[in-house]
PDB file of N, CA and C in Angstrom:
ATOM      1  N   MET A   1     288.597  82.026  90.227  1.00  0.00           N
ATOM      2  CA  MET A   1     287.156  82.184  90.099  1.00  0.00           C
ATOM      3  C   MET A   1     286.781  83.599  90.540  1.00  0.00           C
ATOM      4  N   GLN A   2     285.843  84.137  89.829  1.00  0.00           N
ATOM      5  CA  GLN A   2     285.344  85.475  90.133  1.00  0.00           C
ATOM      6  C   GLN A   2     283.820  85.411  90.216  1.00  0.00           C
ATOM      7  N   ARG A   3     283.250  86.340  90.941  1.00  0.00           N
ATOM      8  CA  ARG A   3     281.803  86.409  91.093  1.00  0.00           C
ATOM      9  C   ARG A   3     281.234  87.374  90.046  1.00  0.00           C
ATOM     10  N   PHE A   4     280.096  86.971  89.449  1.00  0.00           N
ATOM     11  CA  PHE A   4     279.420  87.785  88.441  1.00  0.00           C
ATOM     12  C   PHE A   4     277.936  87.867  88.767  1.00  0.00           C
ATOM     13  N   LEU A   5     277.361  89.016  88.515  1.00  0.00           N
ATOM     14  CA  LEU A   5     275.915  89.195  88.574  1.00  0.00           C
ATOM     15  C   LEU A   5     275.432  89.098  87.134  1.00  0.00           C
ATOM     16  N   ILE A   6     274.487  88.201  86.890  1.00  0.00           N
ATOM     17  CA  ILE A   6     273.957  88.012  85.541  1.00  0.00           C
ATOM     18  C   ILE A   6     272.455  88.228  85.573  1.00  0.00           C
ATOM     19  N   SER A   7     271.992  89.066  84.670  1.00  0.00           N
ATOM     20  CA  SER A   7     270.568  89.385  84.583  1.00  0.00           C
ATOM     21  C   SER A   7     270.148  89.346  83.119  1.00  0.00           C
ATOM     22  N   TYR A   8     268.938  88.888  82.877  1.00  0.00           N
ATOM     23  CA  TYR A   8     268.435  88.868  81.512  1.00  0.00           C
ATOM     24  C   TYR A   8     266.995  89.359  81.466  1.00  0.00           C
ATOM     25  N   ASP A   9     266.607  89.860  80.308  1.00  0.00           N
ATOM     26  CA  ASP A   9     265.227  90.232  80.011  1.00  0.00           C
ATOM     27  C   ASP A   9     264.936  89.603  78.657  1.00  0.00           C
ATOM     28  N   ILE A  10     264.264  88.463  78.677  1.00  0.00           N
ATOM     29  CA  ILE A  10     264.019  87.681  77.464  1.00  0.00           C
ATOM     30  C   ILE A  10     262.515  87.519  77.292  1.00  0.00           C
ATOM     31  N   SER A  11     262.003  87.888  76.126  1.00  0.00           N
ATOM     32  CA  SER A  11     260.555  87.888  75.902  1.00  0.00           C
ATOM     33  C   SER A  11     259.975  86.499  75.631  1.00  0.00           C
ATOM     34  N   SER A  12     260.709  85.626  74.983  1.00  0.00           N
ATOM     35  CA  SER A  12     260.219  84.287  74.659  1.00  0.00           C
ATOM     36  C   SER A  12     260.228  83.400  75.907  1.00  0.00           C
ATOM     37  N   ASN A  13     259.084  82.814  76.229  1.00  0.00           N
ATOM     38  CA  ASN A  13     258.999  81.936  77.398  1.00  0.00           C
ATOM     39  C   ASN A  13     259.970  80.765  77.292  1.00  0.00           C
ATOM     40  N   LYS A  14     260.047  80.151  76.115  1.00  0.00           N
ATOM     41  CA  LYS A  14     260.928  78.998  75.918  1.00  0.00           C
ATOM     42  C   LYS A  14     262.391  79.392  76.117  1.00  0.00           C
ATOM     43  N   SER A  15     262.800  80.499  75.514  1.00  0.00           N
ATOM     44  CA  SER A  15     264.188  80.962  75.651  1.00  0.00           C
ATOM     45  C   SER A  15     264.494  81.377  77.083  1.00  0.00           C
ATOM     46  N   ARG A  16     263.529  82.016  77.745  1.00  0.00           N
ATOM     47  CA  ARG A  16     263.719  82.451  79.132  1.00  0.00           C
ATOM     48  C   ARG A  16     263.887  81.246  80.056  1.00  0.00           C
ATOM     49  N   ARG A  17     263.083  80.212  79.846  1.00  0.00           N
ATOM     50  CA  ARG A  17     263.210  78.984  80.659  1.00  0.00           C
ATOM     51  C   ARG A  17     264.572  78.326  80.433  1.00  0.00           C
ATOM     52  N   TYR A  18     265.037  78.330  79.191  1.00  0.00           N
ATOM     53  CA  TYR A  18     266.335  77.730  78.891  1.00  0.00           C
ATOM     54  C   TYR A  18     267.468  78.516  79.550  1.00  0.00           C
ATOM     55  N   ALA A  19     267.395  79.841  79.486  1.00  0.00           N
ATOM     56  CA  ALA A  19     268.410  80.678  80.146  1.00  0.00           C
ATOM     57  C   ALA A  19     268.410  80.417  81.648  1.00  0.00           C
ATOM     58  N   ALA A  20     267.219  80.316  82.239  1.00  0.00           N
ATOM     59  CA  ALA A  20     267.110  80.038  83.674  1.00  0.00           C
ATOM     60  C   ALA A  20     267.732  78.676  84.001  1.00  0.00           C
ATOM     61  N   LYS A  21     267.481  77.684  83.164  1.00  0.00           N
ATOM     62  CA  LYS A  21     268.033  76.343  83.389  1.00  0.00           C
ATOM     63  C   LYS A  21     269.561  76.378  83.364  1.00  0.00           C
ATOM     64  N   ILE A  22     270.121  77.090  82.391  1.00  0.00           N
ATOM     65  CA  ILE A  22     271.579  77.215  82.292  1.00  0.00           C
ATOM     66  C   ILE A  22     272.139  77.824  83.579  1.00  0.00           C
ATOM     67  N   LEU A  23     271.548  78.925  84.004  1.00  0.00           N
ATOM     68  CA  LEU A  23     272.090  79.663  85.153  1.00  0.00           C
ATOM     69  C   LEU A  23     271.820  78.974  86.481  1.00  0.00           C
ATOM     70  N   LYS A  24     270.675  78.299  86.621  1.00  0.00           N
ATOM     71  CA  LYS A  24     270.377  77.586  87.872  1.00  0.00           C
ATOM     72  C   LYS A  24     271.380  76.464  88.124  1.00  0.00           C
ATOM     73  N   ASN A  25     271.894  75.876  87.046  1.00  0.00           N
ATOM     74  CA  ASN A  25     272.848  74.777  87.191  1.00  0.00           C
ATOM     75  C   ASN A  25     274.226  75.234  87.653  1.00  0.00           C
ATOM     76  N   ILE A  26     274.534  76.519  87.496  1.00  0.00           N
ATOM     77  CA  ILE A  26     275.877  76.978  87.835  1.00  0.00           C
ATOM     78  C   ILE A  26     275.918  78.114  88.839  1.00  0.00           C
ATOM     79  N   GLY A  27     274.753  78.671  89.174  1.00  0.00           N
ATOM     80  CA  GLY A  27     274.744  79.828  90.066  1.00  0.00           C
ATOM     81  C   GLY A  27     273.587  79.800  91.033  1.00  0.00           C
ATOM     82  N   GLU A  28     273.398  80.903  91.693  1.00  0.00           N
ATOM     83  CA  GLU A  28     272.315  81.050  92.672  1.00  0.00           C
ATOM     84  C   GLU A  28     271.356  82.125  92.191  1.00  0.00           C
ATOM     85  N   ARG A  29     270.083  81.757  92.116  1.00  0.00           N
ATOM     86  CA  ARG A  29     269.049  82.697  91.699  1.00  0.00           C
ATOM     87  C   ARG A  29     268.734  83.618  92.865  1.00  0.00           C
ATOM     88  N   ILE A  30     268.831  84.939  92.635  1.00  0.00           N
ATOM     89  CA  ILE A  30     268.495  85.891  93.695  1.00  0.00           C
ATOM     90  C   ILE A  30     267.234  86.682  93.375  1.00  0.00           C
ATOM     91  N   GLN A  31     266.828  86.694  92.122  1.00  0.00           N
ATOM     92  CA  GLN A  31     265.537  87.211  91.685  1.00  0.00           C
ATOM     93  C   GLN A  31     265.131  86.387  90.475  1.00  0.00           C
ATOM     94  N   ARG A  32     263.946  86.622  89.946  1.00  0.00           N
ATOM     95  CA  ARG A  32     263.459  85.793  88.839  1.00  0.00           C
ATOM     96  C   ARG A  32     264.441  85.711  87.670  1.00  0.00           C
ATOM     97  N   SER A  33     265.055  86.803  87.307  1.00  0.00           N
ATOM     98  CA  SER A  33     265.976  86.779  86.165  1.00  0.00           C
ATOM     99  C   SER A  33     267.344  87.340  86.538  1.00  0.00           C
ATOM    100  N   VAL A  34     267.720  87.191  87.806  1.00  0.00           N
ATOM    101  CA  VAL A  34     269.006  87.688  88.296  1.00  0.00           C
ATOM    102  C   VAL A  34     269.705  86.567  89.072  1.00  0.00           C
ATOM    103  N   TYR A  35     270.955  86.331  88.698  1.00  0.00           N
ATOM    104  CA  TYR A  35     271.730  85.239  89.287  1.00  0.00           C
ATOM    105  C   TYR A  35     273.106  85.726  89.709  1.00  0.00           C
ATOM    106  N   ILE A  36     273.655  85.076  90.717  1.00  0.00           N
ATOM    107  CA  ILE A  36     275.052  85.237  91.096  1.00  0.00           C
ATOM    108  C   ILE A  36     275.768  83.965  90.669  1.00  0.00           C
ATOM    109  N   VAL A  37     276.836  84.140  89.911  1.00  0.00           N
ATOM    110  CA  VAL A  37     277.581  83.004  89.388  1.00  0.00           C
ATOM    111  C   VAL A  37     279.056  83.197  89.723  1.00  0.00           C
ATOM    112  N   GLU A  38     279.689  82.155  90.213  1.00  0.00           N
ATOM    113  CA  GLU A  38     281.140  82.166  90.400  1.00  0.00           C
ATOM    114  C   GLU A  38     281.744  81.334  89.293  1.00  0.00           C
ATOM    115  N   SER A  39     282.605  81.961  88.502  1.00  0.00           N
ATOM    116  CA  SER A  39     283.159  81.286  87.334  1.00  0.00           C
ATOM    117  C   SER A  39     284.453  81.951  86.904  1.00  0.00           C
ATOM    118  N   THR A  40     285.099  81.326  85.963  1.00  0.00           N
ATOM    119  CA  THR A  40     286.274  81.915  85.323  1.00  0.00           C
ATOM    120  C   THR A  40     285.799  82.810  84.183  1.00  0.00           C
ATOM    121  N   GLU A  41     286.699  83.625  83.662  1.00  0.00           N
ATOM    122  CA  GLU A  41     286.368  84.468  82.504  1.00  0.00           C
ATOM    123  C   GLU A  41     285.942  83.595  81.321  1.00  0.00           C
ATOM    124  N   LYS A  42     286.625  82.486  81.116  1.00  0.00           N
ATOM    125  CA  LYS A  42     286.297  81.580  80.013  1.00  0.00           C
ATOM    126  C   LYS A  42     284.901  80.972  80.202  1.00  0.00           C
ATOM    127  N   GLY A  43     284.571  80.606  81.441  1.00  0.00           N
ATOM    128  CA  GLY A  43     283.247  80.067  81.730  1.00  0.00           C
ATOM    129  C   GLY A  43     282.153  81.096  81.479  1.00  0.00           C
ATOM    130  N   ILE A  44     282.407  82.340  81.877  1.00  0.00           N
ATOM    131  CA  ILE A  44     281.437  83.415  81.667  1.00  0.00           C
ATOM    132  C   ILE A  44     281.270  83.695  80.178  1.00  0.00           C
ATOM    133  N   GLU A  45     282.363  83.627  79.433  1.00  0.00           N
ATOM    134  CA  GLU A  45     282.286  83.822  77.983  1.00  0.00           C
ATOM    135  C   GLU A  45     281.385  82.761  77.350  1.00  0.00           C
ATOM    136  N   HIS A  46     281.505  81.520  77.824  1.00  0.00           N
ATOM    137  CA  HIS A  46     280.673  80.429  77.328  1.00  0.00           C
ATOM    138  C   HIS A  46     279.196  80.680  77.659  1.00  0.00           C
ATOM    139  N   ILE A  47     278.912  81.081  78.889  1.00  0.00           N
ATOM    140  CA  ILE A  47     277.541  81.389  79.304  1.00  0.00           C
ATOM    141  C   ILE A  47     276.982  82.535  78.465  1.00  0.00           C
ATOM    142  N   ASN A  48     277.783  83.577  78.296  1.00  0.00           N
ATOM    143  CA  ASN A  48     277.363  84.731  77.498  1.00  0.00           C
ATOM    144  C   ASN A  48     276.998  84.295  76.076  1.00  0.00           C
ATOM    145  N   ASN A  49     277.820  83.454  75.482  1.00  0.00           N
ATOM    146  CA  ASN A  49     277.546  82.978  74.119  1.00  0.00           C
ATOM    147  C   ASN A  49     276.263  82.161  74.060  1.00  0.00           C
ATOM    148  N   GLN A  50     276.062  81.264  75.031  1.00  0.00           N
ATOM    149  CA  GLN A  50     274.862  80.427  75.052  1.00  0.00           C
ATOM    150  C   GLN A  50     273.592  81.270  75.153  1.00  0.00           C
ATOM    151  N   ILE A  51     273.587  82.205  76.092  1.00  0.00           N
ATOM    152  CA  ILE A  51     272.373  82.988  76.319  1.00  0.00           C
ATOM    153  C   ILE A  51     272.185  84.038  75.228  1.00  0.00           C
ATOM    154  N   SER A  52     273.258  84.618  74.729  1.00  0.00           N
ATOM    155  CA  SER A  52     273.147  85.615  73.660  1.00  0.00           C
ATOM    156  C   SER A  52     272.480  85.035  72.421  1.00  0.00           C
ATOM    157  N   GLU A  53     272.689  83.741  72.172  1.00  0.00           N
ATOM    158  CA  GLU A  53     272.046  83.083  71.034  1.00  0.00           C
ATOM    159  C   GLU A  53     270.526  83.049  71.164  1.00  0.00           C
ATOM    160  N   LEU A  54     270.015  83.166  72.387  1.00  0.00           N
ATOM    161  CA  LEU A  54     268.573  83.121  72.628  1.00  0.00           C
ATOM    162  C   LEU A  54     267.901  84.473  72.438  1.00  0.00           C
ATOM    163  N   LEU A  55     268.690  85.540  72.429  1.00  0.00           N
ATOM    164  CA  LEU A  55     268.128  86.881  72.432  1.00  0.00           C
ATOM    165  C   LEU A  55     267.490  87.256  71.098  1.00  0.00           C
ATOM    166  N   GLU A  56     266.352  87.921  71.200  1.00  0.00           N
ATOM    167  CA  GLU A  56     265.650  88.459  70.049  1.00  0.00           C
ATOM    168  C   GLU A  56     265.631  89.981  70.185  1.00  0.00           C
ATOM    169  N   ASP A  57     264.984  90.658  69.245  1.00  0.00           N
ATOM    170  CA  ASP A  57     264.876  92.116  69.312  1.00  0.00           C
ATOM    171  C   ASP A  57     264.344  92.555  70.675  1.00  0.00           C
ATOM    172  N   ASN A  58     264.953  93.554  71.241  1.00  0.00           N
ATOM    173  CA  ASN A  58     264.578  94.165  72.524  1.00  0.00           C
ATOM    174  C   ASN A  58     264.862  93.298  73.748  1.00  0.00           C
ATOM    175  N   ASP A  59     265.436  92.101  73.584  1.00  0.00           N
ATOM    176  CA  ASP A  59     265.870  91.293  74.727  1.00  0.00           C
ATOM    177  C   ASP A  59     267.241  91.802  75.168  1.00  0.00           C
ATOM    178  N   SER A  60     267.643  91.451  76.390  1.00  0.00           N
ATOM    179  CA  SER A  60     268.949  91.904  76.864  1.00  0.00           C
ATOM    180  C   SER A  60     269.554  90.914  77.853  1.00  0.00           C
ATOM    181  N   LEU A  61     270.866  91.017  77.969  1.00  0.00           N
ATOM    182  CA  LEU A  61     271.649  90.207  78.904  1.00  0.00           C
ATOM    183  C   LEU A  61     272.695  91.114  79.525  1.00  0.00           C
ATOM    184  N   LEU A  62     272.805  91.087  80.836  1.00  0.00           N
ATOM    185  CA  LEU A  62     273.818  91.857  81.553  1.00  0.00           C
ATOM    186  C   LEU A  62     274.695  90.884  82.330  1.00  0.00           C
ATOM    187  N   VAL A  63     275.990  90.963  82.117  1.00  0.00           N
ATOM    188  CA  VAL A  63     276.969  90.174  82.874  1.00  0.00           C
ATOM    189  C   VAL A  63     277.898  91.176  83.533  1.00  0.00           C
ATOM    190  N   LEU A  64     277.814  91.276  84.847  1.00  0.00           N
ATOM    191  CA  LEU A  64     278.533  92.298  85.596  1.00  0.00           C
ATOM    192  C   LEU A  64     279.515  91.650  86.563  1.00  0.00           C
ATOM    193  N   PRO A  65     280.826  91.845  86.379  1.00  0.00           N
ATOM    194  CA  PRO A  65     281.783  91.301  87.342  1.00  0.00           C
ATOM    195  C   PRO A  65     281.667  92.036  88.676  1.00  0.00           C
ATOM    196  N   CYS A  66     281.816  91.292  89.751  1.00  0.00           N
ATOM    197  CA  CYS A  66     281.717  91.869  91.102  1.00  0.00           C
ATOM    198  C   CYS A  66     283.009  91.564  91.854  1.00  0.00           C
ATOM    199  N   CYS A  67     283.855  92.569  92.025  1.00  0.00           N
ATOM    200  CA  CYS A  67     285.085  92.353  92.784  1.00  0.00           C
ATOM    201  C   CYS A  67     284.727  92.107  94.253  1.00  0.00           C
ATOM    202  N   ALA A  68     285.641  91.517  94.990  1.00  0.00           N
ATOM    203  CA  ALA A  68     285.389  91.180  96.401  1.00  0.00           C
ATOM    204  C   ALA A  68     285.047  92.417  97.217  1.00  0.00           C
ATOM    205  N   SER A  69     285.731  93.518  96.963  1.00  0.00           N
ATOM    206  CA  SER A  69     285.474  94.757  97.700  1.00  0.00           C
ATOM    207  C   SER A  69     284.058  95.267  97.440  1.00  0.00           C
ATOM    208  N   CYS A  70     283.638  95.250  96.183  1.00  0.00           N
ATOM    209  CA  CYS A  70     282.277  95.696  95.839  1.00  0.00           C
ATOM    210  C   CYS A  70     281.235  94.745  96.409  1.00  0.00           C
ATOM    211  N   TRP A  71     281.508  93.446  96.340  1.00  0.00           N
ATOM    212  CA  TRP A  71     280.559  92.458  96.854  1.00  0.00           C
ATOM    213  C   TRP A  71     280.350  92.634  98.355  1.00  0.00           C
ATOM    214  N   ASP A  72     281.417  92.955  99.075  1.00  0.00           N
ATOM    215  CA  ASP A  72     281.312  93.158 100.520  1.00  0.00           C
ATOM    216  C   ASP A  72     280.437  94.359 100.862  1.00  0.00           C
ATOM    217  N   LYS A  73     280.302  95.313  99.950  1.00  0.00           N
ATOM    218  CA  LYS A  73     279.489  96.509 100.174  1.00  0.00           C
ATOM    219  C   LYS A  73     278.055  96.353  99.677  1.00  0.00           C
ATOM    220  N   ALA A  74     277.760  95.246  99.015  1.00  0.00           N
ATOM    221  CA  ALA A  74     276.432  95.033  98.438  1.00  0.00           C
ATOM    222  C   ALA A  74     275.380  94.861  99.530  1.00  0.00           C
ATOM    223  N   LEU A  75     274.191  95.353  99.258  1.00  0.00           N
ATOM    224  CA  LEU A  75     273.044  95.194 100.151  1.00  0.00           C
ATOM    225  C   LEU A  75     272.031  94.303  99.456  1.00  0.00           C
ATOM    226  N   PHE A  76     271.441  93.396 100.201  1.00  0.00           N
ATOM    227  CA  PHE A  76     270.472  92.475  99.640  1.00  0.00           C
ATOM    228  C   PHE A  76     269.394  92.222 100.678  1.00  0.00           C
ATOM    229  N   ALA A  77     268.149  92.342 100.282  1.00  0.00           N
ATOM    230  CA  ALA A  77     267.033  92.073 101.187  1.00  0.00           C
ATOM    231  C   ALA A  77     265.953  91.332 100.415  1.00  0.00           C
ATOM    232  N   ARG A  78     265.273  90.399 101.078  1.00  0.00           N
ATOM    233  CA  ARG A  78     264.147  89.708 100.458  1.00  0.00           C
ATOM    234  C   ARG A  78     263.169  89.254 101.535  1.00  0.00           C
ATOM    235  N   MET A  79     261.929  89.126 101.135  1.00  0.00           N
ATOM    236  CA  MET A  79     260.902  88.616 102.033  1.00  0.00           C
ATOM    237  C   MET A  79     260.845  87.102 101.875  1.00  0.00           C
ATOM    238  N   GLU A  80     260.836  86.417 102.990  1.00  0.00           N
ATOM    239  CA  GLU A  80     260.704  84.970 102.961  1.00  0.00           C
ATOM    240  C   GLU A  80     259.771  84.554 104.079  1.00  0.00           C
ATOM    241  N   LYS A  81     258.612  84.058 103.728  1.00  0.00           N
ATOM    242  CA  LYS A  81     257.610  83.632 104.703  1.00  0.00           C
ATOM    243  C   LYS A  81     257.344  84.724 105.727  1.00  0.00           C
ATOM    244  N   ASP A  82     257.060  85.944 105.233  1.00  0.00           N
ATOM    245  CA  ASP A  82     256.720  87.102 106.062  1.00  0.00           C
ATOM    246  C   ASP A  82     257.864  87.583 106.942  1.00  0.00           C
ATOM    247  N   ILE A  83     259.088  87.180 106.621  1.00  0.00           N
ATOM    248  CA  ILE A  83     260.275  87.650 107.375  1.00  0.00           C
ATOM    249  C   ILE A  83     261.192  88.378 106.394  1.00  0.00           C
ATOM    250  N   LEU A  84     261.603  89.573 106.750  1.00  0.00           N
ATOM    251  CA  LEU A  84     262.532  90.331 105.914  1.00  0.00           C
ATOM    252  C   LEU A  84     263.951  89.896 106.246  1.00  0.00           C
ATOM    253  N   LEU A  85     264.644  89.353 105.234  1.00  0.00           N
ATOM    254  CA  LEU A  85     266.032  88.939 105.396  1.00  0.00           C
ATOM    255  C   LEU A  85     266.931  89.982 104.754  1.00  0.00           C
ATOM    256  N   VAL A  86     267.896  90.486 105.492  1.00  0.00           N
ATOM    257  CA  VAL A  86     268.815  91.503 104.976  1.00  0.00           C
ATOM    258  C   VAL A  86     270.230  90.970 105.114  1.00  0.00           C
ATOM    259  N   ALA A  87     270.994  91.090 104.015  1.00  0.00           N
ATOM    260  CA  ALA A  87     272.391  90.634 104.053  1.00  0.00           C
ATOM    261  C   ALA A  87     273.276  91.741 103.546  1.00  0.00           C
TER     262      ALA A  87
END
């Protein structure tokens, strides 16, 4: 299993909700259209195919593999109930 950062920019509300549903079932949402997913290459290929079918003109999908070394160097911060969480 490998970790992937997946992000999409989809203009259709229906398609965007469907993409979110797919990714919420297998990964962790870290922003509205950004997810961390742990999967095999074959699993990611399947996800890529499913979401790519939803894309229209000017929509986009980014699937970025994150090696363990790069992931350990990643910075992440978010506000939660007026508290800044940094990881």
